[in-house]
């Protein structure tokens, strides 16, 4: 393996990532990795810096996890024999919202514990935090997502692992098992293989439920899982959870109904343990009219004094179309396929890529969104920083559960546990 390939491996970068970082064609980046072409000294220098930074982040994270593991081992069991972990919190909301506090939430007697699977970039985790859940552990297989969680919440117990091979029995007795399981097996845009897709994590989720015996389960997925095609699949999941003592409920919601400036439909499975929880009341939409793209990001779009901002605001007068994050195999930092780009164009946004900065004062044309703008459309706070290359960061943002929708769902579950 040549020096360039070793550095790329240390940094966790694909040929596509390298092409984007070095502004070269993907084919050329692949030849660098294969040793067919010798990269310039500048390109090696850039990649070396990224690899060293990545290594430093991992070392710091490993030390932090060791400290957290030691501290967790010393945490005493509560009277109900459920583990409890106080977690320092940071402000959530970047945009004003009547139900989401701008202040850090303090640990109270009414807080509950959760084990979160497929935590990703933290959208669901933030919503759970603000609703009153303390994470005992957050699990994800993606190193960049784990780095994001550690960077923003240093005291969270973040574990990089594949849930298919994860033993969760240590967290037996957590109040809630939550997670946004991979969507491709059920996505209308995909082959919809369901249980025949190797990315189906429902069997692993059911195994982990058996290991930790929570009082409630909250799982998020795409709305395709609610179609008639997957009725038998849902029935099998229901039967498995019923056998473990749970009542199950399925429902779909549009994030735009919960103050998220984006039309984004998500499906939810909530399972509540019989005899230990109150009846479920699905959350009630907070607004009749969703915030528009202009409402959410006009201040960011005009941050550099763009002269055409007023005209743009008039065009960006509806919620954003669904933001697409792409998978680890496909998709990059853009706003989706051709149809989605047409919808963005009607709002005055170029959806082909993600900009590094807002349009300058004399910019003439159709602007692109920055990463911060996309994160704002997912209701992430501006203080939340995403780790990794632009591609890795965008996938975390685009695949996240909007924070405000996560908050609404978590609040509904908490009311069943209180």
Protein backbone atom coordinates (compact mmCIF):
# COMPACT_ATOMS: atom_id res chain seq x y z
CA UNK A 1 0.00 0.00 0.00
CA UNK A 2 1.47 3.37 -1.02
CA UNK A 3 1.73 6.42 1.26
CA UNK A 4 -1.29 8.15 -0.24
CA UNK A 5 -3.48 5.05 0.19
CA UNK A 6 -2.34 4.63 3.81
CA UNK A 7 -3.18 8.24 4.63
CA UNK A 8 -6.59 7.94 2.95
CA UNK A 9 -7.31 4.80 4.99
CA UNK A 10 -6.25 6.52 8.24
CA UNK A 11 -8.55 9.45 7.46
CA UNK A 12 -11.43 7.12 6.49
CA UNK A 13 -11.84 8.76 3.08
CA UNK A 14 -13.17 7.19 -0.12
CA UNK A 15 -12.02 8.08 -3.63
CA UNK A 16 -15.11 10.29 -3.96
CA UNK A 17 -14.20 12.10 -0.73
CA UNK A 18 -10.62 12.57 -1.91
CA UNK A 19 -11.79 13.97 -5.23
CA UNK A 20 -13.98 16.49 -3.43
CA UNK A 21 -11.30 17.52 -0.91
CA UNK A 22 -8.54 17.90 -3.49
CA UNK A 23 -10.78 19.25 -6.29
CA UNK A 24 -9.78 16.49 -8.70
CA UNK A 25 -11.80 13.89 -10.64
CA UNK A 26 -12.74 10.76 -8.72
CA UNK A 27 -10.97 8.65 -11.36
CA UNK A 28 -7.72 10.50 -10.69
CA UNK A 29 -8.12 10.07 -6.93
CA UNK A 30 -8.64 6.33 -7.47
CA UNK A 31 -5.41 6.15 -9.46
CA UNK A 32 -3.60 7.95 -6.63
CA UNK A 33 -4.84 5.29 -4.21
CA UNK A 34 -3.90 2.45 -6.58
CA UNK A 35 -0.47 3.93 -7.17
CA UNK A 36 -0.98 4.38 -10.92
CA UNK A 37 -0.34 8.13 -10.68
CA UNK A 38 1.92 9.95 -8.23
CA UNK A 39 0.10 12.75 -6.34
CA UNK A 40 1.76 16.13 -5.92
CA UNK A 41 3.53 17.04 -2.69
CA UNK A 42 0.76 19.56 -1.95
CA UNK A 43 -1.93 16.87 -2.22
CA UNK A 44 0.02 14.52 0.05
CA UNK A 45 0.52 17.37 2.53
CA UNK A 46 -3.23 18.14 2.60
CA UNK A 47 -4.14 14.49 3.10
CA UNK A 48 -1.51 14.05 5.80
CA UNK A 49 -3.03 16.92 7.78
CA UNK A 50 -6.50 15.38 7.54
CA UNK A 51 -5.20 11.96 8.60
CA UNK A 52 -3.35 13.40 11.60
CA UNK A 53 -6.41 15.35 12.71
CA UNK A 54 -8.57 12.26 12.37
CA UNK A 55 -6.11 10.21 14.40
CA UNK A 56 -6.03 12.87 17.11
CA UNK A 57 -9.81 12.93 17.30
CA UNK A 58 -9.94 9.15 17.65
CA UNK A 59 -7.28 9.15 20.38
CA UNK A 60 -9.10 11.81 22.37
CA UNK A 61 -12.39 9.99 21.89
CA UNK A 62 -10.87 6.70 23.04
CA UNK A 63 -9.54 8.35 26.20
CA UNK A 64 -12.91 9.96 26.85
CA UNK A 65 -14.73 6.66 26.35
CA UNK A 66 -12.36 4.98 28.80
CA UNK A 67 -13.14 7.65 31.38
CA UNK A 68 -16.87 7.36 30.72
CA UNK A 69 -16.79 3.57 30.91
CA UNK A 70 -15.04 3.75 34.26
CA UNK A 71 -17.54 6.31 35.53
CA UNK A 72 -20.51 4.27 34.25
CA UNK A 73 -19.21 1.21 36.07
CA UNK A 74 -19.36 3.20 39.30
CA UNK A 75 -22.90 4.48 38.81
CA UNK A 76 -25.19 2.96 41.42
CA UNK A 77 -28.51 1.35 40.60
CA UNK A 78 -31.67 3.31 41.38
CA UNK A 79 -34.44 2.02 43.63
CA UNK A 80 -36.20 0.55 40.60
CA UNK A 81 -32.96 -1.10 39.53
CA UNK A 82 -32.66 1.08 36.42
CA UNK A 83 -29.33 2.80 35.67
CA UNK A 84 -29.24 6.60 35.75
CA UNK A 85 -26.67 8.96 34.26
CA UNK A 86 -26.76 12.73 34.59
CA UNK A 87 -25.69 14.36 31.31
CA UNK A 88 -24.64 18.02 31.01
CA UNK A 89 -26.59 19.59 28.16
CA UNK A 90 -26.14 22.52 25.80
CA UNK A 91 -28.77 24.81 24.28
CA UNK A 92 -30.83 23.13 21.55
CA UNK A 93 -32.81 25.59 19.50
CA UNK A 94 -31.27 27.82 16.88
CA UNK A 95 -34.73 28.98 15.83
CA UNK A 96 -37.31 30.19 18.36
CA UNK A 97 -39.88 27.61 19.32
CA UNK A 98 -42.44 27.71 22.13
CA UNK A 99 -41.74 24.18 23.41
CA UNK A 100 -37.98 23.81 23.06
CA UNK A 101 -35.93 25.53 25.74
CA UNK A 102 -32.87 27.56 24.79
CA UNK A 103 -31.37 26.74 28.19
CA UNK A 104 -29.54 23.54 29.10
CA UNK A 105 -31.92 21.01 30.59
CA UNK A 106 -31.01 19.89 34.10
CA UNK A 107 -31.36 16.39 35.43
CA UNK A 108 -34.60 16.02 37.42
CA UNK A 109 -36.59 13.26 39.08
CA UNK A 110 -38.74 13.12 35.94
CA UNK A 111 -35.89 12.29 33.57
CA UNK A 112 -35.60 8.84 32.02
CA UNK A 113 -32.79 6.80 30.52
CA UNK A 114 -32.38 5.67 26.94
CA UNK A 115 -30.14 3.48 24.82
CA UNK A 116 -30.07 4.88 21.28
CA UNK A 117 -29.26 2.80 18.20
CA UNK A 118 -28.08 4.25 14.85
CA UNK A 119 -27.70 7.65 16.48
CA UNK A 120 -26.20 9.28 13.39
CA UNK A 121 -25.52 13.01 13.54
CA UNK A 122 -27.65 13.55 16.62
CA UNK A 123 -31.06 14.81 15.48
CA UNK A 124 -33.01 12.24 17.48
CA UNK A 125 -30.59 12.44 20.41
CA UNK A 126 -31.10 16.19 20.74
CA UNK A 127 -34.88 15.81 20.66
CA UNK A 128 -34.73 13.07 23.29
CA UNK A 129 -32.43 15.18 25.45
CA UNK A 130 -34.77 18.14 25.42
CA UNK A 131 -37.78 15.92 26.16
CA UNK A 132 -36.11 14.65 29.33
CA UNK A 133 -34.16 11.52 28.38
CA UNK A 134 -30.59 10.90 29.55
CA UNK A 135 -28.59 8.68 27.17
CA UNK A 136 -26.84 5.78 28.84
CA UNK A 137 -25.16 5.06 25.52
CA UNK A 138 -25.47 6.08 21.85
CA UNK A 139 -24.48 3.58 19.19
CA UNK A 140 -23.50 4.12 15.56
CA UNK A 141 -21.25 2.32 13.09
CA UNK A 142 -20.11 5.49 11.28
CA UNK A 143 -16.92 7.01 12.77
CA UNK A 144 -17.79 10.49 11.51
CA UNK A 145 -21.21 10.44 13.19
CA UNK A 146 -19.60 9.24 16.42
CA UNK A 147 -17.06 12.07 16.19
CA UNK A 148 -19.92 14.55 15.78
CA UNK A 149 -21.69 13.29 18.89
CA UNK A 150 -18.50 13.34 20.97
CA UNK A 151 -17.56 16.79 19.73
CA UNK A 152 -20.88 18.37 20.70
CA UNK A 153 -21.61 16.36 23.85
CA UNK A 154 -18.25 15.31 25.35
CA UNK A 155 -19.91 13.49 28.25
CA UNK A 156 -22.21 11.31 26.19
CA UNK A 157 -21.21 7.66 26.10
CA UNK A 158 -20.78 7.22 22.33
CA UNK A 159 -19.93 3.74 21.07
CA UNK A 160 -18.82 3.01 17.53
CA UNK A 161 -20.13 -0.47 16.78
CA UNK A 162 -22.32 -2.49 14.43
CA UNK A 163 -25.63 -3.14 16.20
CA UNK A 164 -25.83 -6.55 14.55
CA UNK A 165 -22.89 -7.66 16.69
CA UNK A 166 -23.55 -5.48 19.74
CA UNK A 167 -24.23 -6.97 23.17
CA UNK A 168 -26.55 -4.50 24.94
CA UNK A 169 -27.19 -6.56 28.08
CA UNK A 170 -25.07 -4.17 30.19
CA UNK A 171 -27.83 -1.56 29.79
CA UNK A 172 -30.58 -3.88 31.00
CA UNK A 173 -33.36 -1.81 32.55
CA UNK A 174 -33.03 1.35 30.44
CA UNK A 175 -36.40 3.09 30.21
CA UNK A 176 -36.35 3.51 26.44
CA UNK A 177 -34.74 1.87 23.42
CA UNK A 178 -34.72 4.34 20.53
CA UNK A 179 -33.24 4.51 17.07
CA UNK A 180 -33.60 5.47 13.44
CA UNK A 181 -33.02 2.14 11.70
CA UNK A 182 -31.64 2.10 8.13
CA UNK A 183 -34.28 3.19 5.62
CA UNK A 184 -33.17 1.67 2.25
CA UNK A 185 -34.99 -1.66 2.79
CA UNK A 186 -38.32 0.22 2.87
CA UNK A 187 -37.66 3.35 0.82
CA UNK A 188 -39.98 3.99 -2.13
CA UNK A 189 -36.91 5.22 -4.02
CA UNK A 190 -35.18 1.85 -3.54
CA UNK A 191 -35.90 -1.80 -4.33
CA UNK A 192 -38.03 -2.24 -1.18
CA UNK A 193 -36.58 -5.63 -0.30
CA UNK A 194 -37.61 -5.33 3.34
CA UNK A 195 -36.53 -8.38 5.34
CA UNK A 196 -34.55 -9.63 2.31
CA UNK A 197 -32.28 -6.56 2.42
CA UNK A 198 -29.05 -7.10 4.36
CA UNK A 199 -29.51 -3.60 5.81
CA UNK A 200 -32.69 -4.60 7.65
CA UNK A 201 -31.85 -3.99 11.33
CA UNK A 202 -35.23 -4.87 12.81
CA UNK A 203 -34.10 -8.40 13.82
CA UNK A 204 -31.15 -6.88 15.70
CA UNK A 205 -33.42 -4.31 17.29
CA UNK A 206 -35.76 -7.06 18.53
CA UNK A 207 -32.80 -8.97 19.97
CA UNK A 208 -31.61 -5.86 21.83
CA UNK A 209 -35.13 -5.27 23.19
CA UNK A 210 -34.96 -8.76 24.68
CA UNK A 211 -31.51 -8.02 26.16
CA UNK A 212 -32.34 -4.75 27.90
CA UNK A 213 -36.08 -5.16 28.56
CA UNK A 214 -36.98 -1.45 28.30
CA UNK A 215 -40.34 -0.02 29.27
CA UNK A 216 -40.76 1.58 25.83
CA UNK A 217 -39.37 1.41 22.29
CA UNK A 218 -39.28 4.29 19.79
CA UNK A 219 -38.17 3.46 16.24
CA UNK A 220 -38.14 5.82 13.25
CA UNK A 221 -38.07 4.95 9.56
CA UNK A 222 -39.32 6.09 6.13
CA UNK A 223 -43.05 6.20 5.42
CA UNK A 224 -42.65 3.38 2.88
CA UNK A 225 -42.69 0.92 5.78
CA UNK A 226 -46.34 1.88 6.40
CA UNK A 227 -47.50 0.79 2.93
CA UNK A 228 -49.55 -2.34 2.30
CA UNK A 229 -46.51 -4.05 0.81
CA UNK A 230 -44.93 -4.21 4.26
CA UNK A 231 -48.06 -5.09 6.25
CA UNK A 232 -46.80 -8.69 6.79
CA UNK A 233 -43.43 -7.32 7.89
CA UNK A 234 -45.07 -5.01 10.45
CA UNK A 235 -47.23 -7.86 11.70
CA UNK A 236 -44.14 -9.97 12.38
CA UNK A 237 -42.53 -7.11 14.29
CA UNK A 238 -45.75 -6.60 16.27
CA UNK A 239 -45.94 -10.30 17.10
CA UNK A 240 -42.33 -10.41 18.27
CA UNK A 241 -42.80 -7.39 20.52
CA UNK A 242 -46.14 -8.67 21.80
CA UNK A 243 -44.44 -11.89 22.82
CA UNK A 244 -42.07 -9.78 24.91
CA UNK A 245 -44.96 -7.98 26.61
CA UNK A 246 -45.44 -4.87 24.47
CA UNK A 247 -48.37 -3.15 22.81
CA UNK A 248 -47.33 -1.67 19.47
CA UNK A 249 -48.42 1.41 17.53
CA UNK A 250 -47.49 2.63 14.02
CA UNK A 251 -48.03 6.14 12.67
CA UNK A 252 -46.64 8.59 10.11
CA UNK A 253 -46.07 12.33 10.52
CA UNK A 254 -44.87 15.22 8.39
CA UNK A 255 -42.12 17.19 10.13
CA UNK A 256 -43.60 20.39 8.66
CA UNK A 257 -46.49 19.96 11.12
CA UNK A 258 -44.05 20.40 14.00
CA UNK A 259 -42.40 23.73 13.09
CA UNK A 260 -39.77 22.13 10.85
CA UNK A 261 -39.29 24.20 7.65
CA UNK A 262 -39.33 21.08 5.48
CA UNK A 263 -41.86 18.65 4.08
CA UNK A 264 -40.50 15.40 5.49
CA UNK A 265 -42.69 12.37 6.22
CA UNK A 266 -41.42 9.86 8.75
CA UNK A 267 -42.89 6.64 10.13
CA UNK A 268 -42.74 5.70 13.80
CA UNK A 269 -43.11 2.50 15.77
CA UNK A 270 -43.82 2.92 19.47
CA UNK A 271 -43.98 -0.11 21.74
CA UNK A 272 -45.13 0.20 25.36
CA UNK A 273 -44.78 -2.47 28.02
CA UNK A 274 -48.11 -3.76 29.25
CA UNK A 275 -48.94 -2.91 32.84
CA UNK A 276 -46.01 -0.48 33.25
CA UNK A 277 -46.96 2.43 31.01
CA UNK A 278 -49.83 4.82 30.36
CA UNK A 279 -51.88 4.81 27.13
CA UNK A 280 -50.20 6.44 24.14
CA UNK A 281 -51.35 9.80 22.87
CA UNK A 282 -49.74 10.65 19.55
CA UNK A 283 -48.33 14.21 19.42
CA UNK A 284 -50.56 16.96 18.09
CA UNK A 285 -49.16 19.16 15.29
CA UNK A 286 -47.99 22.52 16.58
CA UNK A 287 -48.69 24.69 13.53
CA UNK A 288 -51.26 24.94 10.75
CA UNK A 289 -48.67 26.55 8.48
CA UNK A 290 -45.07 25.38 8.44
CA UNK A 291 -42.16 27.85 8.43
CA UNK A 292 -40.82 28.59 4.94
CA UNK A 293 -37.28 28.25 3.69
CA UNK A 294 -36.99 32.03 3.81
CA UNK A 295 -38.27 32.10 7.40
CA UNK A 296 -35.59 29.63 8.42
CA UNK A 297 -32.44 30.72 6.60
CA UNK A 298 -32.82 34.22 5.11
CA UNK A 299 -30.42 35.61 7.74
CA UNK A 300 -27.81 33.04 6.71
CA UNK A 301 -28.40 33.62 3.00
CA UNK A 302 -27.86 37.35 3.46
CA UNK A 303 -24.92 37.09 5.86
CA UNK A 304 -22.50 38.56 3.28
CA UNK A 305 -24.76 41.38 2.18
CA UNK A 306 -26.22 39.73 -0.93
CA UNK A 307 -28.07 42.48 -2.82
CA UNK A 308 -30.70 40.17 -4.31
CA UNK A 309 -31.80 38.75 -0.95
CA UNK A 310 -35.21 40.48 -0.96
CA UNK A 311 -36.11 38.99 -4.34
CA UNK A 312 -34.92 35.56 -3.20
CA UNK A 313 -37.06 35.72 -0.04
CA UNK A 314 -40.18 36.15 -2.19
CA UNK A 315 -39.31 32.94 -4.07
CA UNK A 316 -38.38 30.86 -1.02
CA UNK A 317 -41.91 31.16 0.34
CA UNK A 318 -42.74 27.53 1.18
CA UNK A 319 -41.24 24.69 3.23
CA UNK A 320 -38.26 22.88 1.75
CA UNK A 321 -38.71 19.59 -0.09
CA UNK A 322 -37.39 16.50 1.67
CA UNK A 323 -33.65 16.75 2.22
CA UNK A 324 -31.94 13.59 0.97
CA UNK A 325 -28.76 12.49 2.69
CA UNK A 326 -27.82 9.55 0.50
CA UNK A 327 -26.32 6.25 1.63
CA UNK A 328 -22.75 5.23 2.37
CA UNK A 329 -22.59 3.72 -1.11
CA UNK A 330 -24.40 6.41 -3.08
CA UNK A 331 -25.12 10.10 -2.84
CA UNK A 332 -22.96 13.12 -2.15
CA UNK A 333 -23.33 16.67 -0.92
CA UNK A 334 -26.26 17.74 -3.10
CA UNK A 335 -29.98 18.14 -2.53
CA UNK A 336 -31.20 15.01 -4.24
CA UNK A 337 -32.25 13.61 -7.63
CA UNK A 338 -33.53 15.56 -10.62
CA UNK A 339 -37.11 15.89 -9.37
CA UNK A 340 -35.96 17.28 -6.02
CA UNK A 341 -33.63 19.74 -7.75
CA UNK A 342 -36.54 21.07 -9.78
CA UNK A 343 -38.45 21.69 -6.54
CA UNK A 344 -35.44 23.49 -5.09
CA UNK A 345 -35.09 25.57 -8.25
CA UNK A 346 -38.66 26.85 -7.78
CA UNK A 347 -37.54 28.10 -4.36
CA UNK A 348 -34.55 29.86 -5.86
CA UNK A 349 -31.98 27.29 -4.76
CA UNK A 350 -29.40 25.46 -6.88
CA UNK A 351 -29.59 21.87 -5.63
CA UNK A 352 -26.61 20.45 -7.50
CA UNK A 353 -24.17 20.97 -4.64
CA UNK A 354 -23.50 22.53 -1.25
CA UNK A 355 -21.74 25.88 -1.01
CA UNK A 356 -18.90 26.66 1.37
CA UNK A 357 -20.26 30.16 2.09
CA UNK A 358 -23.37 32.31 1.47
CA UNK A 359 -23.53 34.32 -1.76
CA UNK A 360 -21.34 37.46 -1.80
CA UNK A 361 -22.76 40.96 -2.19
CA UNK A 362 -22.68 41.07 -6.01
CA UNK A 363 -23.60 37.42 -6.65
CA UNK A 364 -25.83 37.09 -9.71
CA UNK A 365 -27.51 33.73 -10.15
CA UNK A 366 -29.14 30.94 -8.17
CA UNK A 367 -27.44 30.40 -4.80
CA UNK A 368 -26.65 27.07 -3.20
CA UNK A 369 -27.29 26.21 0.41
CA UNK A 370 -24.44 25.94 2.88
CA UNK A 371 -24.15 23.06 5.32
CA UNK A 372 -25.37 25.31 8.12
CA UNK A 373 -28.46 26.25 6.10
CA UNK A 374 -29.32 22.60 5.48
CA UNK A 375 -28.83 21.84 9.17
CA UNK A 376 -31.16 24.72 10.06
CA UNK A 377 -33.80 23.24 7.74
CA UNK A 378 -33.49 20.04 9.79
CA UNK A 379 -34.01 22.16 12.94
CA UNK A 380 -30.47 21.57 14.25
CA UNK A 381 -29.12 24.38 16.46
CA UNK A 382 -26.44 26.54 14.91
CA UNK A 383 -24.03 25.47 17.66
CA UNK A 384 -24.13 21.84 16.49
CA UNK A 385 -20.96 21.07 14.50
CA UNK A 386 -20.68 18.10 12.14
CA UNK A 387 -17.42 16.19 11.78
CA UNK A 388 -15.89 14.73 8.63
CA UNK A 389 -15.60 15.86 5.02
CA UNK A 390 -18.41 17.74 3.32
CA UNK A 391 -19.84 14.46 2.02
CA UNK A 392 -19.73 12.79 5.43
CA UNK A 393 -21.15 15.83 7.19
CA UNK A 394 -23.95 16.24 4.67
CA UNK A 395 -24.99 12.60 5.02
CA UNK A 396 -25.32 13.10 8.77
CA UNK A 397 -27.49 16.18 8.28
CA UNK A 398 -29.59 14.78 5.45
CA UNK A 399 -30.28 11.42 7.11
CA UNK A 400 -31.14 12.89 10.51
CA UNK A 401 -34.53 12.92 12.16
CA UNK A 402 -35.45 16.64 12.47
CA UNK A 403 -34.80 17.71 16.04
CA UNK A 404 -38.25 19.21 16.58
CA UNK A 405 -40.06 16.14 15.31
CA UNK A 406 -37.84 13.97 17.52
CA UNK A 407 -38.71 16.19 20.48
CA UNK A 408 -42.46 15.82 19.83
CA UNK A 409 -42.26 12.03 19.60
CA UNK A 410 -39.99 11.72 22.64
CA UNK A 411 -42.32 13.91 24.66
CA UNK A 412 -45.27 11.66 23.80
CA UNK A 413 -43.34 8.58 24.93
CA UNK A 414 -42.20 10.27 28.12
CA UNK A 415 -45.80 10.98 29.07
CA UNK A 416 -46.44 7.23 28.88
CA UNK A 417 -43.58 6.56 31.30
CA UNK A 418 -44.20 9.32 33.83
